[in-house]
């Protein structure tokens, strides 16, 4: 079994911290300071929860070269805790890791304050399945970090042992440190860059949870959502959905509750038609619906 000296480990950590420094920034908005990182050479990503400023509003940025500039908020998505800020001063963007985060791996959480760059070393304490936030955001795999994260470093990048970008460090419930994965930031960030917001799918239906009997569904009893009202100009009505129909699934995913369907629509691809499975007069059928954007 090979061993590494403490001096060698220390040198490696210091090298990664130095590598991260040119990509990290300090942010200040109103009454608090936090960190961010260059996601693109002229775009900073950080935690949306820490950015109360609205789109196009200004936010103070301290760059890696210690230059104070004003950034403009591009957009933010509270459901995934991702916000983007455009800055006039360009810098080196983070380089995503080619491998997904692995349990037990050593990581470095980087940040920056007005006094200089910061770092904290720890490990990946949990790698779970994909999950949705309480606001309906698709976060990707649930990842906990065993890292002592200071409040001013929240929103900063997390790097692996090779200096590659794994995601963003944020606080979760009970001050648990979570990782917003790089792939989530990439997906949400592209939508924010293009539209300045995350577009939400809209069906145009009022729903009530019901249980569909075995005889109506052709199998065991299952949960469904009865259509109790329809927007006559909404996507569902235009697709032929009728009042009294029971929605069973969207794109093959069973709907267990109104909240569950809302979460699916929250992350739906508005560029594609969706398949809606419904039960009508004891008969199951599928209809194709083109989702609209919720205004």
C-alpha atoms as a PDB file:
ATOM      1  CA  UNK A   1       0.000   0.000   0.000  1.00  0.00           C
ATOM      2  CA  UNK A   2       1.409   3.333  -1.076  1.00  0.00           C
ATOM      3  CA  UNK A   3       1.489   6.195   1.405  1.00  0.00           C
ATOM      4  CA  UNK A   4       1.727   9.929   0.929  1.00  0.00           C
ATOM      5  CA  UNK A   5       3.679  12.163   3.258  1.00  0.00           C
ATOM      6  CA  UNK A   6       1.882  15.014   4.984  1.00  0.00           C
ATOM      7  CA  UNK A   7       4.183  17.445   3.220  1.00  0.00           C
ATOM      8  CA  UNK A   8       3.256  16.048  -0.206  1.00  0.00           C
ATOM      9  CA  UNK A   9      -0.461  16.163   0.617  1.00  0.00           C
ATOM     10  CA  UNK A  10      -0.099  19.734   1.859  1.00  0.00           C
ATOM     11  CA  UNK A  11       1.717  20.734  -1.316  1.00  0.00           C
ATOM     12  CA  UNK A  12      -1.015  19.202  -3.491  1.00  0.00           C
ATOM     13  CA  UNK A  13      -3.758  21.013  -1.586  1.00  0.00           C
ATOM     14  CA  UNK A  14      -1.874  24.298  -1.860  1.00  0.00           C
ATOM     15  CA  UNK A  15      -1.472  23.773  -5.612  1.00  0.00           C
ATOM     16  CA  UNK A  16      -5.205  23.202  -6.078  1.00  0.00           C
ATOM     17  CA  UNK A  17      -6.016  26.276  -3.967  1.00  0.00           C
ATOM     18  CA  UNK A  18      -3.667  28.335  -6.122  1.00  0.00           C
ATOM     19  CA  UNK A  19      -5.290  26.904  -9.242  1.00  0.00           C
ATOM     20  CA  UNK A  20      -8.752  27.876  -7.988  1.00  0.00           C
ATOM     21  CA  UNK A  21      -7.837  31.403  -6.964  1.00  0.00           C
ATOM     22  CA  UNK A  22      -7.890  32.987 -10.480  1.00  0.00           C
ATOM     23  CA  UNK A  23     -11.512  31.861 -10.922  1.00  0.00           C
ATOM     24  CA  UNK A  24     -13.029  32.974  -7.608  1.00  0.00           C
ATOM     25  CA  UNK A  25     -14.600  36.324  -6.734  1.00  0.00           C
ATOM     26  CA  UNK A  26     -15.957  38.064  -3.655  1.00  0.00           C
ATOM     27  CA  UNK A  27     -19.488  39.457  -3.939  1.00  0.00           C
ATOM     28  CA  UNK A  28     -21.248  41.999  -1.793  1.00  0.00           C
ATOM     29  CA  UNK A  29     -24.944  42.752  -1.987  1.00  0.00           C
ATOM     30  CA  UNK A  30     -26.482  45.156   0.512  1.00  0.00           C
ATOM     31  CA  UNK A  31     -25.711  43.673   3.912  1.00  0.00           C
ATOM     32  CA  UNK A  32     -23.748  40.486   3.309  1.00  0.00           C
ATOM     33  CA  UNK A  33     -20.678  39.128   1.518  1.00  0.00           C
ATOM     34  CA  UNK A  34     -20.301  35.778  -0.221  1.00  0.00           C
ATOM     35  CA  UNK A  35     -18.355  34.060  -2.982  1.00  0.00           C
ATOM     36  CA  UNK A  36     -18.789  33.214  -6.640  1.00  0.00           C
ATOM     37  CA  UNK A  37     -16.757  31.901  -9.532  1.00  0.00           C
ATOM     38  CA  UNK A  38     -16.192  32.496 -13.210  1.00  0.00           C
ATOM     39  CA  UNK A  39     -18.495  30.013 -14.968  1.00  0.00           C
ATOM     40  CA  UNK A  40     -17.661  31.707 -18.268  1.00  0.00           C
ATOM     41  CA  UNK A  41     -14.859  34.241 -18.866  1.00  0.00           C
ATOM     42  CA  UNK A  42     -17.312  37.126 -18.379  1.00  0.00           C
ATOM     43  CA  UNK A  43     -20.067  35.408 -16.362  1.00  0.00           C
ATOM     44  CA  UNK A  44     -20.000  34.654 -12.640  1.00  0.00           C
ATOM     45  CA  UNK A  45     -22.121  31.957 -11.032  1.00  0.00           C
ATOM     46  CA  UNK A  46     -23.129  31.984  -7.382  1.00  0.00           C
ATOM     47  CA  UNK A  47     -25.932  30.926  -5.049  1.00  0.00           C
ATOM     48  CA  UNK A  48     -29.276  32.492  -5.984  1.00  0.00           C
ATOM     49  CA  UNK A  49     -30.371  32.602  -2.360  1.00  0.00           C
ATOM     50  CA  UNK A  50     -27.611  35.124  -1.701  1.00  0.00           C
ATOM     51  CA  UNK A  51     -28.538  37.441  -4.600  1.00  0.00           C
ATOM     52  CA  UNK A  52     -31.593  39.540  -3.715  1.00  0.00           C
ATOM     53  CA  UNK A  53     -30.930  41.888  -6.623  1.00  0.00           C
ATOM     54  CA  UNK A  54     -33.326  41.607  -9.560  1.00  0.00           C
ATOM     55  CA  UNK A  55     -32.412  41.078 -13.206  1.00  0.00           C
ATOM     56  CA  UNK A  56     -30.109  43.816 -14.559  1.00  0.00           C
ATOM     57  CA  UNK A  57     -29.560  45.233 -11.062  1.00  0.00           C
ATOM     58  CA  UNK A  58     -25.968  45.879 -10.029  1.00  0.00           C
ATOM     59  CA  UNK A  59     -23.899  43.938  -7.531  1.00  0.00           C
ATOM     60  CA  UNK A  60     -20.393  44.661  -6.200  1.00  0.00           C
ATOM     61  CA  UNK A  61     -17.697  42.240  -7.389  1.00  0.00           C
ATOM     62  CA  UNK A  62     -14.112  41.917  -6.223  1.00  0.00           C
ATOM     63  CA  UNK A  63     -12.199  40.120  -8.990  1.00  0.00           C
ATOM     64  CA  UNK A  64      -9.237  37.713  -8.631  1.00  0.00           C
ATOM     65  CA  UNK A  65      -6.944  40.641  -9.444  1.00  0.00           C
ATOM     66  CA  UNK A  66      -8.499  42.538  -6.509  1.00  0.00           C
ATOM     67  CA  UNK A  67     -10.265  44.957  -8.845  1.00  0.00           C
ATOM     68  CA  UNK A  68     -13.628  46.290  -7.665  1.00  0.00           C
ATOM     69  CA  UNK A  69     -16.199  46.231 -10.483  1.00  0.00           C
ATOM     70  CA  UNK A  70     -19.967  46.275 -10.850  1.00  0.00           C
ATOM     71  CA  UNK A  71     -21.685  43.178 -12.184  1.00  0.00           C
ATOM     72  CA  UNK A  72     -25.219  42.992 -13.576  1.00  0.00           C
ATOM     73  CA  UNK A  73     -27.565  40.176 -12.598  1.00  0.00           C
ATOM     74  CA  UNK A  74     -28.403  38.060 -15.672  1.00  0.00           C
ATOM     75  CA  UNK A  75     -30.957  35.890 -13.925  1.00  0.00           C
ATOM     76  CA  UNK A  76     -31.516  33.604 -10.963  1.00  0.00           C
ATOM     77  CA  UNK A  77     -33.360  30.388 -10.243  1.00  0.00           C
ATOM     78  CA  UNK A  78     -34.235  29.891  -6.594  1.00  0.00           C
ATOM     79  CA  UNK A  79     -35.414  26.323  -7.190  1.00  0.00           C
ATOM     80  CA  UNK A  80     -31.867  25.160  -8.028  1.00  0.00           C
ATOM     81  CA  UNK A  81     -30.035  27.975  -6.179  1.00  0.00           C
ATOM     82  CA  UNK A  82     -28.180  29.161  -9.294  1.00  0.00           C
ATOM     83  CA  UNK A  83     -27.648  32.810 -10.214  1.00  0.00           C
ATOM     84  CA  UNK A  84     -25.569  34.376 -12.997  1.00  0.00           C
ATOM     85  CA  UNK A  85     -23.891  37.784 -13.017  1.00  0.00           C
ATOM     86  CA  UNK A  86     -22.218  39.422 -16.020  1.00  0.00           C
ATOM     87  CA  UNK A  87     -19.028  41.342 -15.323  1.00  0.00           C
ATOM     88  CA  UNK A  88     -16.836  43.654 -17.460  1.00  0.00           C
ATOM     89  CA  UNK A  89     -13.597  42.096 -16.172  1.00  0.00           C
ATOM     90  CA  UNK A  90     -12.852  38.678 -17.682  1.00  0.00           C
ATOM     91  CA  UNK A  91     -10.920  35.865 -15.979  1.00  0.00           C
ATOM     92  CA  UNK A  92     -10.238  32.135 -16.194  1.00  0.00           C
ATOM     93  CA  UNK A  93     -13.425  30.058 -16.055  1.00  0.00           C
ATOM     94  CA  UNK A  94     -13.597  26.831 -14.070  1.00  0.00           C
ATOM     95  CA  UNK A  95     -12.896  23.569 -15.895  1.00  0.00           C
ATOM     96  CA  UNK A  96     -15.540  20.863 -15.220  1.00  0.00           C
ATOM     97  CA  UNK A  97     -14.404  17.450 -14.036  1.00  0.00           C
ATOM     98  CA  UNK A  98     -14.763  14.644 -16.601  1.00  0.00           C
ATOM     99  CA  UNK A  99     -15.798  12.262 -13.795  1.00  0.00           C
ATOM    100  CA  UNK A 100     -18.825  12.531 -11.473  1.00  0.00           C
ATOM    101  CA  UNK A 101     -18.281  13.118  -7.737  1.00  0.00           C
ATOM    102  CA  UNK A 102     -17.488   9.910  -5.842  1.00  0.00           C
ATOM    103  CA  UNK A 103     -18.132   9.009  -2.226  1.00  0.00           C
ATOM    104  CA  UNK A 104     -15.166   9.649   0.078  1.00  0.00           C
ATOM    105  CA  UNK A 105     -13.201  11.689  -2.461  1.00  0.00           C
ATOM    106  CA  UNK A 106     -11.174  14.616  -1.169  1.00  0.00           C
ATOM    107  CA  UNK A 107     -12.477  18.013  -2.277  1.00  0.00           C
ATOM    108  CA  UNK A 108     -11.510  21.651  -1.868  1.00  0.00           C
ATOM    109  CA  UNK A 109     -14.134  24.378  -1.419  1.00  0.00           C
ATOM    110  CA  UNK A 110     -12.711  27.676  -2.672  1.00  0.00           C
ATOM    111  CA  UNK A 111     -13.941  31.195  -2.029  1.00  0.00           C
ATOM    112  CA  UNK A 112     -12.850  34.797  -1.711  1.00  0.00           C
ATOM    113  CA  UNK A 113     -13.251  37.624   0.787  1.00  0.00           C
ATOM    114  CA  UNK A 114     -12.138  41.227   0.642  1.00  0.00           C
ATOM    115  CA  UNK A 115      -8.976  40.031   2.407  1.00  0.00           C
ATOM    116  CA  UNK A 116      -8.097  37.427  -0.221  1.00  0.00           C
ATOM    117  CA  UNK A 117      -8.873  33.889  -1.436  1.00  0.00           C
ATOM    118  CA  UNK A 118     -10.045  31.154   0.941  1.00  0.00           C
ATOM    119  CA  UNK A 119     -10.149  27.367   0.908  1.00  0.00           C
ATOM    120  CA  UNK A 120     -11.478  24.505   3.013  1.00  0.00           C
ATOM    121  CA  UNK A 121     -10.573  20.850   2.548  1.00  0.00           C
ATOM    122  CA  UNK A 122     -12.937  17.970   3.194  1.00  0.00           C
ATOM    123  CA  UNK A 123     -14.575  15.002   1.546  1.00  0.00           C
ATOM    124  CA  UNK A 124     -17.750  13.897  -0.173  1.00  0.00           C
ATOM    125  CA  UNK A 125     -19.879  12.473   2.622  1.00  0.00           C
ATOM    126  CA  UNK A 126     -22.861  11.262   0.577  1.00  0.00           C
ATOM    127  CA  UNK A 127     -23.714  10.624  -3.061  1.00  0.00           C
ATOM    128  CA  UNK A 128     -27.407   9.893  -3.476  1.00  0.00           C
ATOM    129  CA  UNK A 129     -30.004   9.755  -6.226  1.00  0.00           C
ATOM    130  CA  UNK A 130     -31.442  12.698  -8.138  1.00  0.00           C
ATOM    131  CA  UNK A 131     -33.679  14.917  -6.066  1.00  0.00           C
ATOM    132  CA  UNK A 132     -35.917  17.949  -6.283  1.00  0.00           C
ATOM    133  CA  UNK A 133     -35.686  20.916  -3.977  1.00  0.00           C
ATOM    134  CA  UNK A 134     -38.714  22.031  -1.973  1.00  0.00           C
ATOM    135  CA  UNK A 135     -39.219  24.665  -4.686  1.00  0.00           C
ATOM    136  CA  UNK A 136     -39.386  22.020  -7.406  1.00  0.00           C
ATOM    137  CA  UNK A 137     -35.893  22.347  -8.872  1.00  0.00           C
ATOM    138  CA  UNK A 138     -34.155  19.310 -10.361  1.00  0.00           C
ATOM    139  CA  UNK A 139     -30.798  19.440  -8.561  1.00  0.00           C
ATOM    140  CA  UNK A 140     -29.238  16.218  -9.862  1.00  0.00           C
ATOM    141  CA  UNK A 141     -27.606  13.699  -7.506  1.00  0.00           C
ATOM    142  CA  UNK A 142     -27.893  14.562  -3.812  1.00  0.00           C
ATOM    143  CA  UNK A 143     -24.357  15.282  -2.580  1.00  0.00           C
ATOM    144  CA  UNK A 144     -23.317  16.229   0.949  1.00  0.00           C
ATOM    145  CA  UNK A 145     -19.898  17.649   1.726  1.00  0.00           C
ATOM    146  CA  UNK A 146     -17.976  17.108   4.947  1.00  0.00           C
ATOM    147  CA  UNK A 147     -16.400  20.562   4.770  1.00  0.00           C
ATOM    148  CA  UNK A 148     -16.211  23.411   7.261  1.00  0.00           C
ATOM    149  CA  UNK A 149     -17.647  26.138   5.032  1.00  0.00           C
ATOM    150  CA  UNK A 150     -17.502  29.727   6.203  1.00  0.00           C
ATOM    151  CA  UNK A 151     -20.464  31.917   5.321  1.00  0.00           C
ATOM    152  CA  UNK A 152     -18.358  34.197   3.108  1.00  0.00           C
ATOM    153  CA  UNK A 153     -17.308  31.172   1.037  1.00  0.00           C
ATOM    154  CA  UNK A 154     -20.847  30.029   0.223  1.00  0.00           C
ATOM    155  CA  UNK A 155     -21.471  30.164  -3.512  1.00  0.00           C
ATOM    156  CA  UNK A 156     -17.854  29.321  -4.307  1.00  0.00           C
ATOM    157  CA  UNK A 157     -16.563  26.448  -6.462  1.00  0.00           C
ATOM    158  CA  UNK A 158     -15.734  22.950  -5.245  1.00  0.00           C
ATOM    159  CA  UNK A 159     -12.783  21.210  -6.907  1.00  0.00           C
ATOM    160  CA  UNK A 160     -11.643  17.594  -6.976  1.00  0.00           C
ATOM    161  CA  UNK A 161      -8.134  16.322  -6.274  1.00  0.00           C
ATOM    162  CA  UNK A 162      -7.127  17.146  -9.841  1.00  0.00           C
ATOM    163  CA  UNK A 163      -8.328  20.735  -9.608  1.00  0.00           C
ATOM    164  CA  UNK A 164     -11.409  20.113 -11.757  1.00  0.00           C
ATOM    165  CA  UNK A 165     -14.737  21.779 -11.034  1.00  0.00           C
ATOM    166  CA  UNK A 166     -17.369  19.560  -9.349  1.00  0.00           C
ATOM    167  CA  UNK A 167     -19.998  22.138  -8.461  1.00  0.00           C
ATOM    168  CA  UNK A 168     -20.934  24.902  -6.044  1.00  0.00           C
ATOM    169  CA  UNK A 169     -20.950  24.773  -2.237  1.00  0.00           C
ATOM    170  CA  UNK A 170     -24.139  26.019  -0.551  1.00  0.00           C
ATOM    171  CA  UNK A 171     -25.813  25.633   2.799  1.00  0.00           C
ATOM    172  CA  UNK A 172     -28.804  23.327   3.085  1.00  0.00           C
ATOM    173  CA  UNK A 173     -31.146  22.720   6.023  1.00  0.00           C
ATOM    174  CA  UNK A 174     -29.446  22.713   9.443  1.00  0.00           C
ATOM    175  CA  UNK A 175     -26.367  24.285   7.854  1.00  0.00           C
ATOM    176  CA  UNK A 176     -25.481  21.064   6.078  1.00  0.00           C
ATOM    177  CA  UNK A 177     -23.108  21.787   3.193  1.00  0.00           C
ATOM    178  CA  UNK A 178     -24.514  20.676  -0.146  1.00  0.00           C
ATOM    179  CA  UNK A 179     -23.014  20.524  -3.624  1.00  0.00           C
ATOM    180  CA  UNK A 180     -24.971  21.940  -6.544  1.00  0.00           C
ATOM    181  CA  UNK A 181     -23.463  19.712  -9.283  1.00  0.00           C
ATOM    182  CA  UNK A 182     -21.676  21.175 -12.289  1.00  0.00           C
ATOM    183  CA  UNK A 183     -24.175  19.581 -14.699  1.00  0.00           C
ATOM    184  CA  UNK A 184     -27.066  21.306 -12.902  1.00  0.00           C
ATOM    185  CA  UNK A 185     -25.299  24.663 -13.099  1.00  0.00           C
ATOM    186  CA  UNK A 186     -24.599  24.078 -16.795  1.00  0.00           C
ATOM    187  CA  UNK A 187     -28.230  23.203 -17.573  1.00  0.00           C
ATOM    188  CA  UNK A 188     -29.752  26.023 -15.551  1.00  0.00           C
ATOM    189  CA  UNK A 189     -27.061  28.498 -16.568  1.00  0.00           C
ATOM    190  CA  UNK A 190     -27.707  27.963 -20.278  1.00  0.00           C
ATOM    191  CA  UNK A 191     -31.408  28.667 -19.746  1.00  0.00           C
ATOM    192  CA  UNK A 192     -30.633  31.820 -17.767  1.00  0.00           C
ATOM    193  CA  UNK A 193     -28.182  33.019 -20.423  1.00  0.00           C
ATOM    194  CA  UNK A 194     -30.712  32.470 -23.198  1.00  0.00           C
ATOM    195  CA  UNK A 195     -33.898  33.676 -21.516  1.00  0.00           C
ATOM    196  CA  UNK A 196     -32.846  35.434 -18.324  1.00  0.00           C
ATOM    197  CA  UNK A 197     -35.154  33.105 -16.395  1.00  0.00           C
ATOM    198  CA  UNK A 198     -36.210  29.481 -16.127  1.00  0.00           C
ATOM    199  CA  UNK A 199     -39.305  28.906 -18.224  1.00  0.00           C
ATOM    200  CA  UNK A 200     -42.079  26.943 -16.499  1.00  0.00           C
ATOM    201  CA  UNK A 201     -44.411  24.582 -18.301  1.00  0.00           C
ATOM    202  CA  UNK A 202     -48.144  25.360 -18.259  1.00  0.00           C
ATOM    203  CA  UNK A 203     -51.023  22.938 -18.902  1.00  0.00           C
ATOM    204  CA  UNK A 204     -53.966  25.179 -18.096  1.00  0.00           C
ATOM    205  CA  UNK A 205     -55.850  22.817 -15.772  1.00  0.00           C
ATOM    206  CA  UNK A 206     -57.282  22.881 -12.266  1.00  0.00           C
ATOM    207  CA  UNK A 207     -56.723  19.519 -10.574  1.00  0.00           C
ATOM    208  CA  UNK A 208     -57.813  17.410  -7.639  1.00  0.00           C
ATOM    209  CA  UNK A 209     -56.031  14.260  -6.441  1.00  0.00           C
ATOM    210  CA  UNK A 210     -58.095  11.062  -6.735  1.00  0.00           C
ATOM    211  CA  UNK A 211     -57.629   7.300  -6.621  1.00  0.00           C
ATOM    212  CA  UNK A 212     -58.335   5.502  -9.889  1.00  0.00           C
ATOM    213  CA  UNK A 213     -60.065   2.148  -9.342  1.00  0.00           C
ATOM    214  CA  UNK A 214     -58.597  -1.025 -10.786  1.00  0.00           C
ATOM    215  CA  UNK A 215     -61.421  -1.393 -13.254  1.00  0.00           C
ATOM    216  CA  UNK A 216     -60.849   2.066 -14.705  1.00  0.00           C
ATOM    217  CA  UNK A 217     -57.116   1.727 -15.032  1.00  0.00           C
ATOM    218  CA  UNK A 218     -56.897  -1.871 -16.195  1.00  0.00           C
ATOM    219  CA  UNK A 219     -54.602  -2.817 -13.315  1.00  0.00           C
ATOM    220  CA  UNK A 220     -54.096  -2.103  -9.646  1.00  0.00           C
ATOM    221  CA  UNK A 221     -55.515   1.092  -8.155  1.00  0.00           C
ATOM    222  CA  UNK A 222     -53.316   4.139  -8.695  1.00  0.00           C
ATOM    223  CA  UNK A 223     -53.191   7.829  -7.944  1.00  0.00           C
ATOM    224  CA  UNK A 224     -54.438  10.313 -10.504  1.00  0.00           C
ATOM    225  CA  UNK A 225     -55.368  13.980 -10.885  1.00  0.00           C
ATOM    226  CA  UNK A 226     -58.923  14.795 -11.939  1.00  0.00           C
ATOM    227  CA  UNK A 227     -59.381  17.825 -14.194  1.00  0.00           C
ATOM    228  CA  UNK A 228     -61.924  20.015 -12.428  1.00  0.00           C
ATOM    229  CA  UNK A 229     -61.392  23.157 -14.516  1.00  0.00           C
ATOM    230  CA  UNK A 230     -59.838  24.050 -17.864  1.00  0.00           C
ATOM    231  CA  UNK A 231     -58.354  27.178 -19.355  1.00  0.00           C
ATOM    232  CA  UNK A 232     -60.192  27.193 -22.720  1.00  0.00           C
ATOM    233  CA  UNK A 233     -57.107  28.700 -24.384  1.00  0.00           C
ATOM    234  CA  UNK A 234     -54.647  26.503 -22.500  1.00  0.00           C
ATOM    235  CA  UNK A 235     -52.521  23.660 -23.905  1.00  0.00           C
ATOM    236  CA  UNK A 236     -54.563  20.868 -22.303  1.00  0.00           C
ATOM    237  CA  UNK A 237     -57.859  22.127 -23.728  1.00  0.00           C
ATOM    238  CA  UNK A 238     -56.325  22.551 -27.193  1.00  0.00           C
ATOM    239  CA  UNK A 239     -55.025  18.961 -26.986  1.00  0.00           C
ATOM    240  CA  UNK A 240     -58.535  17.630 -26.350  1.00  0.00           C
ATOM    241  CA  UNK A 241     -58.409  17.124 -22.579  1.00  0.00           C
ATOM    242  CA  UNK A 242     -61.880  17.389 -21.043  1.00  0.00           C
ATOM    243  CA  UNK A 243     -63.233  18.277 -17.628  1.00  0.00           C
ATOM    244  CA  UNK A 244     -63.545  15.060 -15.599  1.00  0.00           C
ATOM    245  CA  UNK A 245     -60.555  13.391 -17.270  1.00  0.00           C
ATOM    246  CA  UNK A 246     -58.024  11.902 -14.861  1.00  0.00           C
ATOM    247  CA  UNK A 247     -54.349  12.578 -15.575  1.00  0.00           C
ATOM    248  CA  UNK A 248     -52.247   9.505 -14.804  1.00  0.00           C
ATOM    249  CA  UNK A 249     -48.814  10.305 -16.216  1.00  0.00           C
ATOM    250  CA  UNK A 250     -46.744  12.915 -18.049  1.00  0.00           C
ATOM    251  CA  UNK A 251     -44.170  11.583 -20.524  1.00  0.00           C
ATOM    252  CA  UNK A 252     -44.422   8.152 -18.901  1.00  0.00           C
ATOM    253  CA  UNK A 253     -43.871   9.457 -15.360  1.00  0.00           C
ATOM    254  CA  UNK A 254     -46.751   8.720 -13.002  1.00  0.00           C
ATOM    255  CA  UNK A 255     -48.239  11.750 -11.250  1.00  0.00           C
ATOM    256  CA  UNK A 256     -48.634  11.095  -7.542  1.00  0.00           C
ATOM    257  CA  UNK A 257     -49.896  14.533  -6.539  1.00  0.00           C
ATOM    258  CA  UNK A 258     -50.560  18.055  -7.803  1.00  0.00           C
ATOM    259  CA  UNK A 259     -47.180  19.072  -6.394  1.00  0.00           C
ATOM    260  CA  UNK A 260     -45.527  16.187  -8.216  1.00  0.00           C
ATOM    261  CA  UNK A 261     -46.998  17.278 -11.553  1.00  0.00           C
ATOM    262  CA  UNK A 262     -46.053  20.892 -10.853  1.00  0.00           C
ATOM    263  CA  UNK A 263     -42.440  19.786 -10.314  1.00  0.00           C
ATOM    264  CA  UNK A 264     -42.486  17.951 -13.656  1.00  0.00           C
ATOM    265  CA  UNK A 265     -43.824  21.038 -15.431  1.00  0.00           C
ATOM    266  CA  UNK A 266     -41.264  23.164 -13.611  1.00  0.00           C
ATOM    267  CA  UNK A 267     -38.485  21.309 -15.435  1.00  0.00           C
ATOM    268  CA  UNK A 268     -40.283  20.448 -18.683  1.00  0.00           C
ATOM    269  CA  UNK A 269     -38.703  21.066 -22.084  1.00  0.00           C
ATOM    270  CA  UNK A 270     -41.010  23.586 -23.750  1.00  0.00           C
ATOM    271  CA  UNK A 271     -39.473  22.885 -27.148  1.00  0.00           C
ATOM    272  CA  UNK A 272     -41.048  19.407 -27.275  1.00  0.00           C
ATOM    273  CA  UNK A 273     -44.558  17.975 -27.220  1.00  0.00           C
ATOM    274  CA  UNK A 274     -45.397  16.074 -24.059  1.00  0.00           C
ATOM    275  CA  UNK A 275     -47.351  12.815 -23.824  1.00  0.00           C
ATOM    276  CA  UNK A 276     -50.230  12.983 -21.369  1.00  0.00           C
ATOM    277  CA  UNK A 277     -51.774   9.701 -20.217  1.00  0.00           C
ATOM    278  CA  UNK A 278     -55.374  10.139 -19.089  1.00  0.00           C
ATOM    279  CA  UNK A 279     -58.322   8.013 -17.996  1.00  0.00           C
ATOM    280  CA  UNK A 280     -61.711   8.920 -19.501  1.00  0.00           C
ATOM    281  CA  UNK A 281     -64.882   6.942 -18.806  1.00  0.00           C
ATOM    282  CA  UNK A 282     -62.868   3.897 -17.639  1.00  0.00           C
ATOM    283  CA  UNK A 283     -60.702   3.995 -20.788  1.00  0.00           C
ATOM    284  CA  UNK A 284     -57.025   4.929 -20.819  1.00  0.00           C
ATOM    285  CA  UNK A 285     -55.657   7.019 -23.667  1.00  0.00           C
ATOM    286  CA  UNK A 286     -52.712   9.225 -24.537  1.00  0.00           C
ATOM    287  CA  UNK A 287     -52.826  12.734 -25.951  1.00  0.00           C
ATOM    288  CA  UNK A 288     -49.998  14.895 -27.213  1.00  0.00           C
ATOM    289  CA  UNK A 289     -49.846  18.360 -25.669  1.00  0.00           C
ATOM    290  CA  UNK A 290     -47.556  21.268 -26.500  1.00  0.00           C
ATOM    291  CA  UNK A 291     -46.783  22.963 -23.197  1.00  0.00           C
ATOM    292  CA  UNK A 292     -46.974  26.731 -22.967  1.00  0.00           C
ATOM    293  CA  UNK A 293     -44.799  28.927 -20.796  1.00  0.00           C
ATOM    294  CA  UNK A 294     -46.290  29.959 -17.472  1.00  0.00           C
ATOM    295  CA  UNK A 295     -46.525  33.745 -17.387  1.00  0.00           C
END
